[in-house]
Amino acid sequence: MYAAGPRELHDHGIEADTFEALAEIAIQNAGRGLGMVCGPITTGGTGHQILNLEIFNATVHGLQSREKRLFNQIPFEFGLRRLTRKWEAEGNTGYCMPILEVFYARVFERGVVTEGWFIPGWDSSFGARWERDKLVALSCAIHDLTHADIRGFLLAEHSPEHVDSVMGLLTKK
């Protein structure tokens, strides 16, 4: 099992042998009472994973610049993707529910995440809909970000022309 300090978790992709072990790394290293950005990555949003990640990362940076304490799940995406490929190689198909029902459920239930910051278009994402339902069931705070919020976050990192293009895709969905 990989043990790292909180700073190191944000600088490198995190991997583990099981969804449970990956969740435990997050729980042990992330802290408690954090917010989490929720929104489309692999399904929904702009319809393009790269652009969804661009929005996602800009939102994380934008909220952090507003001094919001966040659980950043991006370093765990490396391990989640590897475990998903392993899950699929075992003959499973469809959405890899252990990502949600094991990894995120444990992180939420153990109090690492106590509020969700939802990117517009979150409802087009299967995973974000599950996250919202779980956070609501745990009586966590829900914050719906606006298109103006996302535009501002993106403008801090990208040209206005690029931002207009990305926002056009986000609003069409």
C-alpha atoms as a PDB file:
ATOM      1  CA  MET A   1       0.000   0.000   0.000  1.00  0.00           C
ATOM      2  CA  TYR A   2       1.213   3.490  -0.862  1.00  0.00           C
ATOM      3  CA  ALA A   3       1.460   5.916   2.027  1.00  0.00           C
ATOM      4  CA  ALA A   4       2.125   9.540   1.237  1.00  0.00           C
ATOM      5  CA  GLY A   5       1.779  12.912   2.842  1.00  0.00           C
ATOM      6  CA  PRO A   6      -1.106  15.108   1.693  1.00  0.00           C
ATOM      7  CA  ARG A   7       1.122  17.276  -0.547  1.00  0.00           C
ATOM      8  CA  GLU A   8       2.537  14.234  -2.306  1.00  0.00           C
ATOM      9  CA  LEU A   9      -0.973  12.949  -3.029  1.00  0.00           C
ATOM     10  CA  HIS A  10      -1.637  16.028  -5.144  1.00  0.00           C
ATOM     11  CA  ASP A  11       1.599  15.749  -7.087  1.00  0.00           C
ATOM     12  CA  HIS A  12       1.373  12.121  -8.238  1.00  0.00           C
ATOM     13  CA  GLY A  13      -1.217   9.636  -9.357  1.00  0.00           C
ATOM     14  CA  ILE A  14      -2.215   7.257  -6.596  1.00  0.00           C
ATOM     15  CA  GLU A  15      -2.593   3.534  -7.192  1.00  0.00           C
ATOM     16  CA  ALA A  16      -3.631   0.577  -5.047  1.00  0.00           C
ATOM     17  CA  ASP A  17      -4.531  -3.080  -5.578  1.00  0.00           C
ATOM     18  CA  THR A  18      -8.239  -2.732  -4.747  1.00  0.00           C
ATOM     19  CA  PHE A  19     -10.936  -0.072  -4.655  1.00  0.00           C
ATOM     20  CA  GLU A  20     -11.053  -0.548  -0.878  1.00  0.00           C
ATOM     21  CA  ALA A  21      -7.305   0.051  -0.502  1.00  0.00           C
ATOM     22  CA  LEU A  22      -7.472   3.152  -2.693  1.00  0.00           C
ATOM     23  CA  ALA A  23     -10.316   4.530  -0.547  1.00  0.00           C
ATOM     24  CA  GLU A  24      -8.289   3.900   2.614  1.00  0.00           C
ATOM     25  CA  ILE A  25      -5.360   5.874   1.195  1.00  0.00           C
ATOM     26  CA  ALA A  26      -7.721   8.779   0.527  1.00  0.00           C
ATOM     27  CA  ILE A  27      -9.287   8.539   3.983  1.00  0.00           C
ATOM     28  CA  GLN A  28      -5.941   8.378   5.779  1.00  0.00           C
ATOM     29  CA  ASN A  29      -4.380  11.291   3.893  1.00  0.00           C
ATOM     30  CA  ALA A  30      -7.079  13.766   2.910  1.00  0.00           C
ATOM     31  CA  GLY A  31      -8.403  15.132   6.184  1.00  0.00           C
ATOM     32  CA  ARG A  32     -12.065  15.600   7.141  1.00  0.00           C
ATOM     33  CA  GLY A  33     -14.865  18.032   6.407  1.00  0.00           C
ATOM     34  CA  LEU A  34     -13.751  18.866   2.877  1.00  0.00           C
ATOM     35  CA  GLY A  35     -15.697  19.943  -0.164  1.00  0.00           C
ATOM     36  CA  MET A  36     -15.483  18.083  -3.458  1.00  0.00           C
ATOM     37  CA  VAL A  37     -16.046  19.255  -7.003  1.00  0.00           C
ATOM     38  CA  CYS A  38     -18.640  17.043  -8.671  1.00  0.00           C
ATOM     39  CA  GLY A  39     -19.428  17.010 -12.331  1.00  0.00           C
ATOM     40  CA  PRO A  40     -19.012  15.252 -15.596  1.00  0.00           C
ATOM     41  CA  ILE A  41     -15.691  13.663 -16.407  1.00  0.00           C
ATOM     42  CA  THR A  42     -16.238  10.489 -18.448  1.00  0.00           C
ATOM     43  CA  THR A  43     -19.950  10.927 -19.239  1.00  0.00           C
ATOM     44  CA  GLY A  44     -21.969  14.093 -19.928  1.00  0.00           C
ATOM     45  CA  GLY A  45     -20.891  17.711 -19.691  1.00  0.00           C
ATOM     46  CA  THR A  46     -19.258  18.945 -22.892  1.00  0.00           C
ATOM     47  CA  GLY A  47     -19.273  15.443 -24.340  1.00  0.00           C
ATOM     48  CA  HIS A  48     -15.462  15.439 -24.371  1.00  0.00           C
ATOM     49  CA  GLN A  49     -13.481  13.974 -21.480  1.00  0.00           C
ATOM     50  CA  ILE A  50     -10.482  16.272 -22.017  1.00  0.00           C
ATOM     51  CA  LEU A  51     -12.656  19.396 -21.899  1.00  0.00           C
ATOM     52  CA  ASN A  52     -14.615  18.064 -18.919  1.00  0.00           C
ATOM     53  CA  LEU A  53     -11.318  17.585 -17.066  1.00  0.00           C
ATOM     54  CA  GLU A  54     -10.253  21.091 -18.063  1.00  0.00           C
ATOM     55  CA  ILE A  55     -13.458  22.495 -16.521  1.00  0.00           C
ATOM     56  CA  PHE A  56     -13.053  20.238 -13.512  1.00  0.00           C
ATOM     57  CA  ASN A  57      -9.447  21.288 -12.847  1.00  0.00           C
ATOM     58  CA  ALA A  58     -10.197  24.993 -13.369  1.00  0.00           C
ATOM     59  CA  THR A  59     -13.088  24.656 -10.900  1.00  0.00           C
ATOM     60  CA  VAL A  60     -10.852  23.008  -8.298  1.00  0.00           C
ATOM     61  CA  HIS A  61      -8.250  25.771  -8.689  1.00  0.00           C
ATOM     62  CA  GLY A  62     -10.912  28.491  -8.658  1.00  0.00           C
ATOM     63  CA  LEU A  63     -12.532  27.230  -5.472  1.00  0.00           C
ATOM     64  CA  GLN A  64      -9.150  26.814  -3.808  1.00  0.00           C
ATOM     65  CA  SER A  65      -8.349  30.427  -4.699  1.00  0.00           C
ATOM     66  CA  ARG A  66     -11.529  31.307  -2.776  1.00  0.00           C
ATOM     67  CA  GLU A  67      -9.994  29.437   0.171  1.00  0.00           C
ATOM     68  CA  LYS A  68     -12.328  26.436  -0.064  1.00  0.00           C
ATOM     69  CA  ARG A  69     -10.816  23.275   1.411  1.00  0.00           C
ATOM     70  CA  LEU A  70     -11.276  20.503  -1.139  1.00  0.00           C
ATOM     71  CA  PHE A  71     -10.742  16.808  -1.573  1.00  0.00           C
ATOM     72  CA  ASN A  72      -9.131  16.595  -5.002  1.00  0.00           C
ATOM     73  CA  GLN A  73      -9.979  13.231  -6.507  1.00  0.00           C
ATOM     74  CA  ILE A  74      -7.883  13.769  -9.648  1.00  0.00           C
ATOM     75  CA  PRO A  75      -4.746  12.069  -8.192  1.00  0.00           C
ATOM     76  CA  PHE A  76      -6.911   9.008  -7.526  1.00  0.00           C
ATOM     77  CA  GLU A  77      -8.142   8.862 -11.135  1.00  0.00           C
ATOM     78  CA  PHE A  78      -4.957   6.991 -12.103  1.00  0.00           C
ATOM     79  CA  GLY A  79      -5.700   4.188  -9.664  1.00  0.00           C
ATOM     80  CA  LEU A  80      -9.428   4.192 -10.419  1.00  0.00           C
ATOM     81  CA  ARG A  81      -8.766   3.821 -14.155  1.00  0.00           C
ATOM     82  CA  ARG A  82      -6.322   0.965 -13.597  1.00  0.00           C
ATOM     83  CA  LEU A  83      -8.768  -0.800 -11.266  1.00  0.00           C
ATOM     84  CA  THR A  84     -11.581  -0.265 -13.777  1.00  0.00           C
ATOM     85  CA  ARG A  85      -9.517  -1.933 -16.516  1.00  0.00           C
ATOM     86  CA  LYS A  86      -8.874  -4.844 -14.135  1.00  0.00           C
ATOM     87  CA  TRP A  87     -12.626  -5.005 -13.303  1.00  0.00           C
ATOM     88  CA  GLU A  88     -13.463  -5.085 -17.034  1.00  0.00           C
ATOM     89  CA  ALA A  89     -10.816  -7.761 -17.700  1.00  0.00           C
ATOM     90  CA  GLU A  90     -12.657  -9.912 -15.153  1.00  0.00           C
ATOM     91  CA  GLY A  91     -15.672  -9.894 -17.507  1.00  0.00           C
ATOM     92  CA  ASN A  92     -17.646  -7.025 -15.986  1.00  0.00           C
ATOM     93  CA  THR A  93     -19.438  -4.572 -18.263  1.00  0.00           C
ATOM     94  CA  GLY A  94     -21.283  -1.278 -17.944  1.00  0.00           C
ATOM     95  CA  TYR A  95     -20.487   1.462 -15.487  1.00  0.00           C
ATOM     96  CA  CYS A  96     -17.848   0.359 -12.981  1.00  0.00           C
ATOM     97  CA  MET A  97     -19.982   0.717  -9.850  1.00  0.00           C
ATOM     98  CA  PRO A  98     -17.130  -0.084  -7.401  1.00  0.00           C
ATOM     99  CA  ILE A  99     -15.799   3.411  -8.193  1.00  0.00           C
ATOM    100  CA  LEU A 100     -18.943   4.827  -6.613  1.00  0.00           C
ATOM    101  CA  GLU A 101     -20.137   2.117  -4.235  1.00  0.00           C
ATOM    102  CA  VAL A 102     -16.709   1.364  -2.765  1.00  0.00           C
ATOM    103  CA  PHE A 103     -14.296   4.265  -3.313  1.00  0.00           C
ATOM    104  CA  TYR A 104     -16.581   7.310  -3.103  1.00  0.00           C
ATOM    105  CA  ALA A 105     -19.056   5.765  -0.665  1.00  0.00           C
ATOM    106  CA  ARG A 106     -16.247   5.133   1.833  1.00  0.00           C
ATOM    107  CA  VAL A 107     -14.754   8.610   1.365  1.00  0.00           C
ATOM    108  CA  PHE A 108     -18.164  10.222   1.905  1.00  0.00           C
ATOM    109  CA  GLU A 109     -19.295   7.969   4.773  1.00  0.00           C
ATOM    110  CA  ARG A 110     -16.050   8.525   6.701  1.00  0.00           C
ATOM    111  CA  GLY A 111     -16.527  12.306   6.637  1.00  0.00           C
ATOM    112  CA  VAL A 112     -13.701  13.196   4.274  1.00  0.00           C
ATOM    113  CA  VAL A 113     -16.211  14.959   2.020  1.00  0.00           C
ATOM    114  CA  THR A 114     -19.065  16.871   3.655  1.00  0.00           C
ATOM    115  CA  GLU A 115     -20.087  19.199   0.839  1.00  0.00           C
ATOM    116  CA  GLY A 116     -20.361  18.995  -2.926  1.00  0.00           C
ATOM    117  CA  TRP A 117     -19.665  21.762  -5.443  1.00  0.00           C
ATOM    118  CA  PHE A 118     -21.590  20.818  -8.588  1.00  0.00           C
ATOM    119  CA  ILE A 119     -20.526  21.953 -12.059  1.00  0.00           C
ATOM    120  CA  PRO A 120     -23.383  22.913 -14.425  1.00  0.00           C
ATOM    121  CA  GLY A 121     -24.352  19.837 -16.409  1.00  0.00           C
ATOM    122  CA  TRP A 122     -23.687  17.562 -13.427  1.00  0.00           C
ATOM    123  CA  ASP A 123     -27.046  15.917 -14.064  1.00  0.00           C
ATOM    124  CA  SER A 124     -25.798  14.622 -17.436  1.00  0.00           C
ATOM    125  CA  SER A 125     -23.201  12.524 -15.590  1.00  0.00           C
ATOM    126  CA  PHE A 126     -24.131   9.162 -14.106  1.00  0.00           C
ATOM    127  CA  GLY A 127     -21.387   9.436 -11.482  1.00  0.00           C
ATOM    128  CA  ALA A 128     -22.236  13.009 -10.471  1.00  0.00           C
ATOM    129  CA  ARG A 129     -25.917  12.086 -10.073  1.00  0.00           C
ATOM    130  CA  TRP A 130     -24.868   9.214  -7.781  1.00  0.00           C
ATOM    131  CA  GLU A 131     -22.539  11.525  -5.824  1.00  0.00           C
ATOM    132  CA  ARG A 132     -25.300  14.083  -5.311  1.00  0.00           C
ATOM    133  CA  ASP A 133     -27.777  11.420  -4.145  1.00  0.00           C
ATOM    134  CA  LYS A 134     -25.195  10.025  -1.702  1.00  0.00           C
ATOM    135  CA  LEU A 135     -24.253  13.457  -0.343  1.00  0.00           C
ATOM    136  CA  VAL A 136     -27.930  14.365   0.113  1.00  0.00           C
ATOM    137  CA  ALA A 137     -28.554  11.043   1.897  1.00  0.00           C
ATOM    138  CA  LEU A 138     -25.677  11.893   4.265  1.00  0.00           C
ATOM    139  CA  SER A 139     -27.121  15.404   4.883  1.00  0.00           C
ATOM    140  CA  CYS A 140     -24.090  17.082   3.321  1.00  0.00           C
ATOM    141  CA  ALA A 141     -24.159  20.620   1.894  1.00  0.00           C
ATOM    142  CA  ILE A 142     -24.814  20.977  -1.844  1.00  0.00           C
ATOM    143  CA  HIS A 143     -23.605  24.003  -3.840  1.00  0.00           C
ATOM    144  CA  ASP A 144     -24.648  24.452  -7.466  1.00  0.00           C
ATOM    145  CA  LEU A 145     -22.061  26.442  -9.383  1.00  0.00           C
ATOM    146  CA  THR A 146     -23.256  28.688 -12.212  1.00  0.00           C
ATOM    147  CA  HIS A 147     -22.050  28.971 -15.790  1.00  0.00           C
ATOM    148  CA  ALA A 148     -20.634  32.374 -14.794  1.00  0.00           C
ATOM    149  CA  ASP A 149     -18.603  30.699 -12.025  1.00  0.00           C
ATOM    150  CA  ILE A 150     -17.182  28.152 -14.467  1.00  0.00           C
ATOM    151  CA  ARG A 151     -16.463  30.823 -17.077  1.00  0.00           C
ATOM    152  CA  GLY A 152     -14.522  32.845 -14.492  1.00  0.00           C
ATOM    153  CA  PHE A 153     -12.553  29.808 -13.352  1.00  0.00           C
ATOM    154  CA  LEU A 154     -11.660  28.940 -16.963  1.00  0.00           C
ATOM    155  CA  LEU A 155     -10.678  32.535 -17.817  1.00  0.00           C
ATOM    156  CA  ALA A 156      -8.096  32.440 -15.043  1.00  0.00           C
ATOM    157  CA  GLU A 157      -6.267  29.740 -17.014  1.00  0.00           C
ATOM    158  CA  HIS A 158      -7.294  30.005 -20.697  1.00  0.00           C
ATOM    159  CA  SER A 159      -7.881  32.507 -23.490  1.00  0.00           C
ATOM    160  CA  PRO A 160     -11.351  34.034 -23.907  1.00  0.00           C
ATOM    161  CA  GLU A 161     -11.719  32.350 -27.312  1.00  0.00           C
ATOM    162  CA  HIS A 162     -11.027  28.922 -25.869  1.00  0.00           C
ATOM    163  CA  VAL A 163     -13.337  29.564 -22.923  1.00  0.00           C
ATOM    164  CA  ASP A 164     -16.151  30.637 -25.281  1.00  0.00           C
ATOM    165  CA  SER A 165     -15.707  27.401 -27.239  1.00  0.00           C
ATOM    166  CA  VAL A 166     -15.766  25.214 -24.120  1.00  0.00           C
ATOM    167  CA  MET A 167     -18.700  27.078 -22.576  1.00  0.00           C
ATOM    168  CA  GLY A 168     -20.639  26.705 -25.832  1.00  0.00           C
ATOM    169  CA  LEU A 169     -20.317  22.937 -25.566  1.00  0.00           C
ATOM    170  CA  LEU A 170     -21.242  22.960 -21.863  1.00  0.00           C
ATOM    171  CA  THR A 171     -24.409  24.984 -22.389  1.00  0.00           C
ATOM    172  CA  LYS A 172     -25.602  22.868 -25.333  1.00  0.00           C
ATOM    173  CA  LYS A 173     -25.849  19.781 -23.147  1.00  0.00           C
END
